[in-house]
All heavy atoms as atom14 arrays in JSON, in Angstrom:
{
  "sequence": "MPDFKHVDATDFADVERVTNSALVDRELEKLGGG",
  "atom14_mask": [
    [1, 1, 1, 1, 1, 1, 1, 1, 0, 0, 0, 0, 0, 0],
    [1, 1, 1, 1, 1, 1, 1, 0, 0, 0, 0, 0, 0, 0],
    [1, 1, 1, 1, 1, 1, 1, 1, 0, 0, 0, 0, 0, 0],
    [1, 1, 1, 1, 1, 1, 1, 1, 1, 1, 1, 0, 0, 0],
    [1, 1, 1, 1, 1, 1, 1, 1, 1, 0, 0, 0, 0, 0],
    [1, 1, 1, 1, 1, 1, 1, 1, 1, 1, 0, 0, 0, 0],
    [1, 1, 1, 1, 1, 1, 1, 0, 0, 0, 0, 0, 0, 0],
    [1, 1, 1, 1, 1, 1, 1, 1, 0, 0, 0, 0, 0, 0],
    [1, 1, 1, 1, 1, 0, 0, 0, 0, 0, 0, 0, 0, 0],
    [1, 1, 1, 1, 1, 1, 1, 0, 0, 0, 0, 0, 0, 0],
    [1, 1, 1, 1, 1, 1, 1, 1, 0, 0, 0, 0, 0, 0],
    [1, 1, 1, 1, 1, 1, 1, 1, 1, 1, 1, 0, 0, 0],
    [1, 1, 1, 1, 1, 0, 0, 0, 0, 0, 0, 0, 0, 0],
    [1, 1, 1, 1, 1, 1, 1, 1, 0, 0, 0, 0, 0, 0],
    [1, 1, 1, 1, 1, 1, 1, 0, 0, 0, 0, 0, 0, 0],
    [1, 1, 1, 1, 1, 1, 1, 1, 1, 0, 0, 0, 0, 0],
    [1, 1, 1, 1, 1, 1, 1, 1, 1, 1, 1, 0, 0, 0],
    [1, 1, 1, 1, 1, 1, 1, 0, 0, 0, 0, 0, 0, 0],
    [1, 1, 1, 1, 1, 1, 1, 0, 0, 0, 0, 0, 0, 0],
    [1, 1, 1, 1, 1, 1, 1, 1, 0, 0, 0, 0, 0, 0],
    [1, 1, 1, 1, 1, 1, 0, 0, 0, 0, 0, 0, 0, 0],
    [1, 1, 1, 1, 1, 0, 0, 0, 0, 0, 0, 0, 0, 0],
    [1, 1, 1, 1, 1, 1, 1, 1, 0, 0, 0, 0, 0, 0],
    [1, 1, 1, 1, 1, 1, 1, 0, 0, 0, 0, 0, 0, 0],
    [1, 1, 1, 1, 1, 1, 1, 1, 0, 0, 0, 0, 0, 0],
    [1, 1, 1, 1, 1, 1, 1, 1, 1, 1, 1, 0, 0, 0],
    [1, 1, 1, 1, 1, 1, 1, 1, 1, 0, 0, 0, 0, 0],
    [1, 1, 1, 1, 1, 1, 1, 1, 0, 0, 0, 0, 0, 0],
    [1, 1, 1, 1, 1, 1, 1, 1, 1, 0, 0, 0, 0, 0],
    [1, 1, 1, 1, 1, 1, 1, 1, 1, 0, 0, 0, 0, 0],
    [1, 1, 1, 1, 1, 1, 1, 1, 0, 0, 0, 0, 0, 0],
    [1, 1, 1, 1, 0, 0, 0, 0, 0, 0, 0, 0, 0, 0],
    [1, 1, 1, 1, 0, 0, 0, 0, 0, 0, 0, 0, 0, 0],
    [1, 1, 1, 1, 0, 0, 0, 0, 0, 0, 0, 0, 0, 0]
  ],
  "atom14_positions": [
    [[-34.01, 84.94, 89.4], [-33.21, 86.11, 89.13], [-33.84, 87.32, 89.82], [-35.05, 87.51, 89.75], [-33.13, 86.34, 87.62], [-32.32, 87.53, 87.23], [-32.11, 87.55, 85.43], [-30.89, 88.8, 85.34], [0.0, 0.0, 0.0], [0.0, 0.0, 0.0], [0.0, 0.0, 0.0], [0.0, 0.0, 0.0], [0.0, 0.0, 0.0], [0.0, 0.0, 0.0]],
    [[-33.04, 88.13, 90.47], [-33.59, 89.3, 91.16], [-34.18, 90.32, 90.19], [-33.71, 90.44, 89.06], [-32.39, 89.88, 91.9], [-31.19, 89.17, 91.44], [-31.61, 88.0, 90.62], [0.0, 0.0, 0.0], [0.0, 0.0, 0.0], [0.0, 0.0, 0.0], [0.0, 0.0, 0.0], [0.0, 0.0, 0.0], [0.0, 0.0, 0.0], [0.0, 0.0, 0.0]],
    [[-35.18, 91.03, 90.65], [-35.8, 92.06, 89.82], [-34.96, 93.33, 89.78], [-35.03, 94.08, 88.81], [-37.18, 92.43, 90.37], [-38.17, 91.3, 90.18], [-38.07, 90.56, 89.19], [-39.06, 91.18, 91.02], [0.0, 0.0, 0.0], [0.0, 0.0, 0.0], [0.0, 0.0, 0.0], [0.0, 0.0, 0.0], [0.0, 0.0, 0.0], [0.0, 0.0, 0.0]],
    [[-34.23, 93.59, 90.85], [-33.47, 94.84, 90.94], [-31.99, 94.52, 90.99], [-31.56, 93.61, 91.67], [-33.9, 95.63, 92.19], [-35.33, 96.07, 92.1], [-36.33, 95.33, 92.67], [-35.67, 97.24, 91.42], [-37.65, 95.71, 92.58], [-36.98, 97.64, 91.32], [-37.98, 96.87, 91.9], [0.0, 0.0, 0.0], [0.0, 0.0, 0.0], [0.0, 0.0, 0.0]],
    [[-31.22, 95.32, 90.26], [-29.77, 95.16, 90.21], [-29.13, 96.15, 91.16], [-29.67, 97.23, 91.43], [-29.25, 95.41, 88.79], [-29.74, 94.4, 87.8], [-29.24, 94.72, 86.41], [-29.79, 93.72, 85.41], [-29.44, 94.07, 84.04], [0.0, 0.0, 0.0], [0.0, 0.0, 0.0], [0.0, 0.0, 0.0], [0.0, 0.0, 0.0], [0.0, 0.0, 0.0]],
    [[-27.95, 95.77, 91.67], [-27.22, 96.66, 92.56], [-26.84, 97.95, 91.85], [-26.62, 97.99, 90.64], [-25.96, 95.98, 93.1], [-26.26, 95.1, 94.26], [-25.61, 93.91, 94.47], [-27.14, 95.21, 95.28], [-26.08, 93.34, 95.56], [-27.01, 94.11, 96.07], [0.0, 0.0, 0.0], [0.0, 0.0, 0.0], [0.0, 0.0, 0.0], [0.0, 0.0, 0.0]],
    [[-26.79, 98.98, 92.63], [-26.44, 100.32, 92.18], [-24.92, 100.45, 92.19], [-24.24, 99.89, 93.04], [-27.1, 101.34, 93.13], [-26.59, 102.74, 92.9], [-28.61, 101.27, 93.01], [0.0, 0.0, 0.0], [0.0, 0.0, 0.0], [0.0, 0.0, 0.0], [0.0, 0.0, 0.0], [0.0, 0.0, 0.0], [0.0, 0.0, 0.0], [0.0, 0.0, 0.0]],
    [[-24.39, 101.19, 91.23], [-22.96, 101.51, 91.24], [-22.8, 103.0, 90.92], [-23.78, 103.72, 90.76], [-22.17, 100.62, 90.27], [-22.61, 100.77, 88.82], [-23.01, 101.88, 88.41], [-22.54, 99.77, 88.09], [0.0, 0.0, 0.0], [0.0, 0.0, 0.0], [0.0, 0.0, 0.0], [0.0, 0.0, 0.0], [0.0, 0.0, 0.0], [0.0, 0.0, 0.0]],
    [[-21.57, 103.45, 90.87], [-21.31, 104.88, 90.7], [-21.91, 105.46, 89.43], [-22.24, 106.65, 89.39], [-19.8, 105.13, 90.74], [0.0, 0.0, 0.0], [0.0, 0.0, 0.0], [0.0, 0.0, 0.0], [0.0, 0.0, 0.0], [0.0, 0.0, 0.0], [0.0, 0.0, 0.0], [0.0, 0.0, 0.0], [0.0, 0.0, 0.0], [0.0, 0.0, 0.0]],
    [[-22.08, 104.65, 88.39], [-22.64, 105.18, 87.14], [-24.09, 105.63, 87.31], [-24.57, 106.46, 86.54], [-22.56, 104.15, 86.0], [-23.36, 103.01, 86.32], [-21.12, 103.74, 85.73], [0.0, 0.0, 0.0], [0.0, 0.0, 0.0], [0.0, 0.0, 0.0], [0.0, 0.0, 0.0], [0.0, 0.0, 0.0], [0.0, 0.0, 0.0], [0.0, 0.0, 0.0]],
    [[-24.79, 105.1, 88.32], [-26.17, 105.52, 88.56], [-26.29, 107.01, 88.85], [-27.33, 107.61, 88.6], [-26.77, 104.75, 89.73], [-27.27, 103.39, 89.32], [-26.46, 102.51, 89.02], [-28.49, 103.23, 89.29], [0.0, 0.0, 0.0], [0.0, 0.0, 0.0], [0.0, 0.0, 0.0], [0.0, 0.0, 0.0], [0.0, 0.0, 0.0], [0.0, 0.0, 0.0]],
    [[-25.25, 107.58, 89.4], [-25.32, 108.98, 89.82], [-24.61, 109.91, 88.84], [-24.52, 111.1, 89.08], [-24.77, 109.1, 91.24], [-25.44, 108.13, 92.16], [-24.79, 106.99, 92.58], [-26.75, 108.32, 92.56], [-25.42, 106.07, 93.4], [-27.4, 107.4, 93.37], [-26.74, 106.28, 93.8], [0.0, 0.0, 0.0], [0.0, 0.0, 0.0], [0.0, 0.0, 0.0]],
    [[-24.11, 109.36, 87.74], [-23.42, 110.16, 86.76], [-24.07, 110.09, 85.38], [-23.81, 110.92, 84.53], [-21.96, 109.7, 86.64], [0.0, 0.0, 0.0], [0.0, 0.0, 0.0], [0.0, 0.0, 0.0], [0.0, 0.0, 0.0], [0.0, 0.0, 0.0], [0.0, 0.0, 0.0], [0.0, 0.0, 0.0], [0.0, 0.0, 0.0], [0.0, 0.0, 0.0]],
    [[-24.94, 109.12, 85.18], [-25.53, 108.87, 83.87], [-26.93, 109.47, 83.79], [-27.83, 109.03, 84.49], [-25.59, 107.37, 83.61], [-25.94, 107.03, 82.18], [-26.44, 107.9, 81.46], [-25.71, 105.87, 81.79], [0.0, 0.0, 0.0], [0.0, 0.0, 0.0], [0.0, 0.0, 0.0], [0.0, 0.0, 0.0], [0.0, 0.0, 0.0], [0.0, 0.0, 0.0]],
    [[-27.11, 110.46, 82.95], [-28.43, 111.08, 82.78], [-29.11, 110.61, 81.5], [-30.22, 111.03, 81.2], [-28.32, 112.62, 82.79], [-27.85, 113.12, 84.15], [-27.42, 113.12, 81.68], [0.0, 0.0, 0.0], [0.0, 0.0, 0.0], [0.0, 0.0, 0.0], [0.0, 0.0, 0.0], [0.0, 0.0, 0.0], [0.0, 0.0, 0.0], [0.0, 0.0, 0.0]],
    [[-28.46, 109.73, 80.77], [-28.98, 109.28, 79.48], [-29.89, 108.05, 79.58], [-30.57, 107.72, 78.64], [-27.81, 108.94, 78.54], [-26.93, 110.12, 78.23], [-27.64, 111.17, 77.38], [-28.39, 110.79, 76.48], [-27.45, 112.37, 77.65], [0.0, 0.0, 0.0], [0.0, 0.0, 0.0], [0.0, 0.0, 0.0], [0.0, 0.0, 0.0], [0.0, 0.0, 0.0]],
    [[-29.87, 107.36, 80.71], [-30.64, 106.12, 80.83], [-31.41, 106.09, 82.15], [-31.15, 106.89, 83.04], [-29.71, 104.9, 80.76], [-28.77, 104.79, 81.93], [-27.81, 103.6, 81.83], [-26.82, 103.67, 82.88], [-26.91, 103.03, 84.04], [-27.94, 102.27, 84.31], [-25.96, 103.14, 84.96], [0.0, 0.0, 0.0], [0.0, 0.0, 0.0], [0.0, 0.0, 0.0]],
    [[-32.35, 105.18, 82.23], [-33.05, 104.95, 83.49], [-32.13, 104.09, 84.34], [-31.82, 102.95, 83.97], [-34.41, 104.26, 83.27], [-35.08, 103.97, 84.59], [-35.3, 105.1, 82.38], [0.0, 0.0, 0.0], [0.0, 0.0, 0.0], [0.0, 0.0, 0.0], [0.0, 0.0, 0.0], [0.0, 0.0, 0.0], [0.0, 0.0, 0.0], [0.0, 0.0, 0.0]],
    [[-31.67, 104.63, 85.44], [-30.68, 103.95, 86.27], [-31.33, 102.99, 87.26], [-32.54, 103.07, 87.52], [-29.83, 104.97, 87.04], [-30.7, 105.71, 87.9], [-29.1, 105.91, 86.1], [0.0, 0.0, 0.0], [0.0, 0.0, 0.0], [0.0, 0.0, 0.0], [0.0, 0.0, 0.0], [0.0, 0.0, 0.0], [0.0, 0.0, 0.0], [0.0, 0.0, 0.0]],
    [[-30.52, 102.13, 87.84], [-31.01, 101.2, 88.85], [-31.59, 101.95, 90.04], [-32.62, 101.56, 90.59], [-29.89, 100.26, 89.3], [-29.41, 99.37, 88.19], [-30.19, 98.98, 87.32], [-28.14, 99.05, 88.19], [0.0, 0.0, 0.0], [0.0, 0.0, 0.0], [0.0, 0.0, 0.0], [0.0, 0.0, 0.0], [0.0, 0.0, 0.0], [0.0, 0.0, 0.0]],
    [[-30.95, 103.05, 90.44], [-31.46, 103.82, 91.58], [-32.83, 104.43, 91.25], [-33.71, 104.48, 92.11], [-30.46, 104.9, 92.01], [-30.22, 105.81, 90.97], [0.0, 0.0, 0.0], [0.0, 0.0, 0.0], [0.0, 0.0, 0.0], [0.0, 0.0, 0.0], [0.0, 0.0, 0.0], [0.0, 0.0, 0.0], [0.0, 0.0, 0.0], [0.0, 0.0, 0.0]],
    [[-33.03, 104.87, 90.02], [-34.33, 105.42, 89.62], [-35.41, 104.34, 89.65], [-36.55, 104.59, 90.06], [-34.24, 106.04, 88.23], [0.0, 0.0, 0.0], [0.0, 0.0, 0.0], [0.0, 0.0, 0.0], [0.0, 0.0, 0.0], [0.0, 0.0, 0.0], [0.0, 0.0, 0.0], [0.0, 0.0, 0.0], [0.0, 0.0, 0.0], [0.0, 0.0, 0.0]],
    [[-35.07, 103.12, 89.24], [-36.03, 102.01, 89.3], [-36.4, 101.68, 90.74], [-37.56, 101.4, 91.04], [-35.46, 100.78, 88.59], [-35.24, 100.93, 87.08], [-34.51, 99.72, 86.52], [-36.57, 101.15, 86.36], [0.0, 0.0, 0.0], [0.0, 0.0, 0.0], [0.0, 0.0, 0.0], [0.0, 0.0, 0.0], [0.0, 0.0, 0.0], [0.0, 0.0, 0.0]],
    [[-35.42, 101.74, 91.63], [-35.69, 101.5, 93.06], [-36.6, 102.59, 93.6], [-37.58, 102.31, 94.31], [-34.37, 101.41, 93.86], [-34.63, 101.44, 95.36], [-33.61, 100.15, 93.48], [0.0, 0.0, 0.0], [0.0, 0.0, 0.0], [0.0, 0.0, 0.0], [0.0, 0.0, 0.0], [0.0, 0.0, 0.0], [0.0, 0.0, 0.0], [0.0, 0.0, 0.0]],
    [[-36.31, 103.85, 93.27], [-37.16, 104.95, 93.71], [-38.6, 104.75, 93.24], [-39.55, 104.93, 94.02], [-36.64, 106.3, 93.18], [-35.39, 106.78, 93.89], [-34.99, 106.2, 94.92], [-34.79, 107.76, 93.39], [0.0, 0.0, 0.0], [0.0, 0.0, 0.0], [0.0, 0.0, 0.0], [0.0, 0.0, 0.0], [0.0, 0.0, 0.0], [0.0, 0.0, 0.0]],
    [[-38.77, 104.37, 91.99], [-40.12, 104.15, 91.45], [-40.85, 103.04, 92.2], [-42.05, 103.14, 92.48], [-40.05, 103.79, 89.97], [-39.68, 104.93, 89.09], [-39.63, 104.49, 87.64], [-39.05, 105.51, 86.79], [-38.72, 105.33, 85.53], [-38.93, 104.15, 84.96], [-38.2, 106.31, 84.83], [0.0, 0.0, 0.0], [0.0, 0.0, 0.0], [0.0, 0.0, 0.0]],
    [[-40.13, 101.97, 92.51], [-40.74, 100.85, 93.24], [-41.16, 101.28, 94.64], [-42.26, 100.93, 95.09], [-39.78, 99.66, 93.31], [-40.33, 98.46, 94.03], [-41.45, 97.73, 93.29], [-41.75, 98.07, 92.13], [-42.02, 96.79, 93.89], [0.0, 0.0, 0.0], [0.0, 0.0, 0.0], [0.0, 0.0, 0.0], [0.0, 0.0, 0.0], [0.0, 0.0, 0.0]],
    [[-40.32, 102.03, 95.32], [-40.67, 102.49, 96.66], [-41.88, 103.43, 96.61], [-42.77, 103.33, 97.47], [-39.49, 103.18, 97.33], [-38.31, 102.29, 97.68], [-37.18, 103.11, 98.28], [-38.71, 101.17, 98.61], [0.0, 0.0, 0.0], [0.0, 0.0, 0.0], [0.0, 0.0, 0.0], [0.0, 0.0, 0.0], [0.0, 0.0, 0.0], [0.0, 0.0, 0.0]],
    [[-41.91, 104.31, 95.63], [-43.06, 105.2, 95.49], [-44.33, 104.41, 95.22], [-45.39, 104.71, 95.78], [-42.81, 106.22, 94.38], [-41.76, 107.25, 94.75], [-41.37, 108.17, 93.6], [-41.99, 108.09, 92.51], [-40.43, 108.95, 93.79], [0.0, 0.0, 0.0], [0.0, 0.0, 0.0], [0.0, 0.0, 0.0], [0.0, 0.0, 0.0], [0.0, 0.0, 0.0]],
    [[-44.24, 103.38, 94.4], [-45.4, 102.54, 94.1], [-45.86, 101.79, 95.35], [-47.06, 101.77, 95.66], [-45.04, 101.54, 92.99], [-46.21, 100.67, 92.55], [-45.78, 99.73, 91.45], [-45.4, 98.43, 92.1], [-45.05, 97.36, 91.19], [0.0, 0.0, 0.0], [0.0, 0.0, 0.0], [0.0, 0.0, 0.0], [0.0, 0.0, 0.0], [0.0, 0.0, 0.0]],
    [[-44.91, 101.2, 96.08], [-45.27, 100.48, 97.3], [-45.9, 101.41, 98.33], [-46.75, 100.99, 99.11], [-44.04, 99.79, 97.91], [-43.48, 98.6, 97.14], [-42.2, 98.11, 97.8], [-44.5, 97.47, 97.05], [0.0, 0.0, 0.0], [0.0, 0.0, 0.0], [0.0, 0.0, 0.0], [0.0, 0.0, 0.0], [0.0, 0.0, 0.0], [0.0, 0.0, 0.0]],
    [[-45.47, 102.66, 98.32], [-46.0, 103.64, 99.26], [-47.36, 104.18, 98.9], [-47.94, 104.97, 99.64], [0.0, 0.0, 0.0], [0.0, 0.0, 0.0], [0.0, 0.0, 0.0], [0.0, 0.0, 0.0], [0.0, 0.0, 0.0], [0.0, 0.0, 0.0], [0.0, 0.0, 0.0], [0.0, 0.0, 0.0], [0.0, 0.0, 0.0], [0.0, 0.0, 0.0]],
    [[-47.89, 103.8, 97.75], [-49.23, 104.21, 97.37], [-49.29, 105.25, 96.27], [-50.36, 105.73, 95.92], [0.0, 0.0, 0.0], [0.0, 0.0, 0.0], [0.0, 0.0, 0.0], [0.0, 0.0, 0.0], [0.0, 0.0, 0.0], [0.0, 0.0, 0.0], [0.0, 0.0, 0.0], [0.0, 0.0, 0.0], [0.0, 0.0, 0.0], [0.0, 0.0, 0.0]],
    [[-48.13, 105.63, 95.74], [-48.11, 106.61, 94.66], [-48.32, 108.03, 95.16], [-48.62, 108.26, 96.33], [0.0, 0.0, 0.0], [0.0, 0.0, 0.0], [0.0, 0.0, 0.0], [0.0, 0.0, 0.0], [0.0, 0.0, 0.0], [0.0, 0.0, 0.0], [0.0, 0.0, 0.0], [0.0, 0.0, 0.0], [0.0, 0.0, 0.0], [0.0, 0.0, 0.0]]
  ]
}
């Protein structure tokens, strides 16, 4: 099973939860060295 789920329009409208796009951003920042 993939670790990351595809992003959809709710990622950019929902401020109440940690979105898939935010998880991707965190992973890229981590891979980049923080």
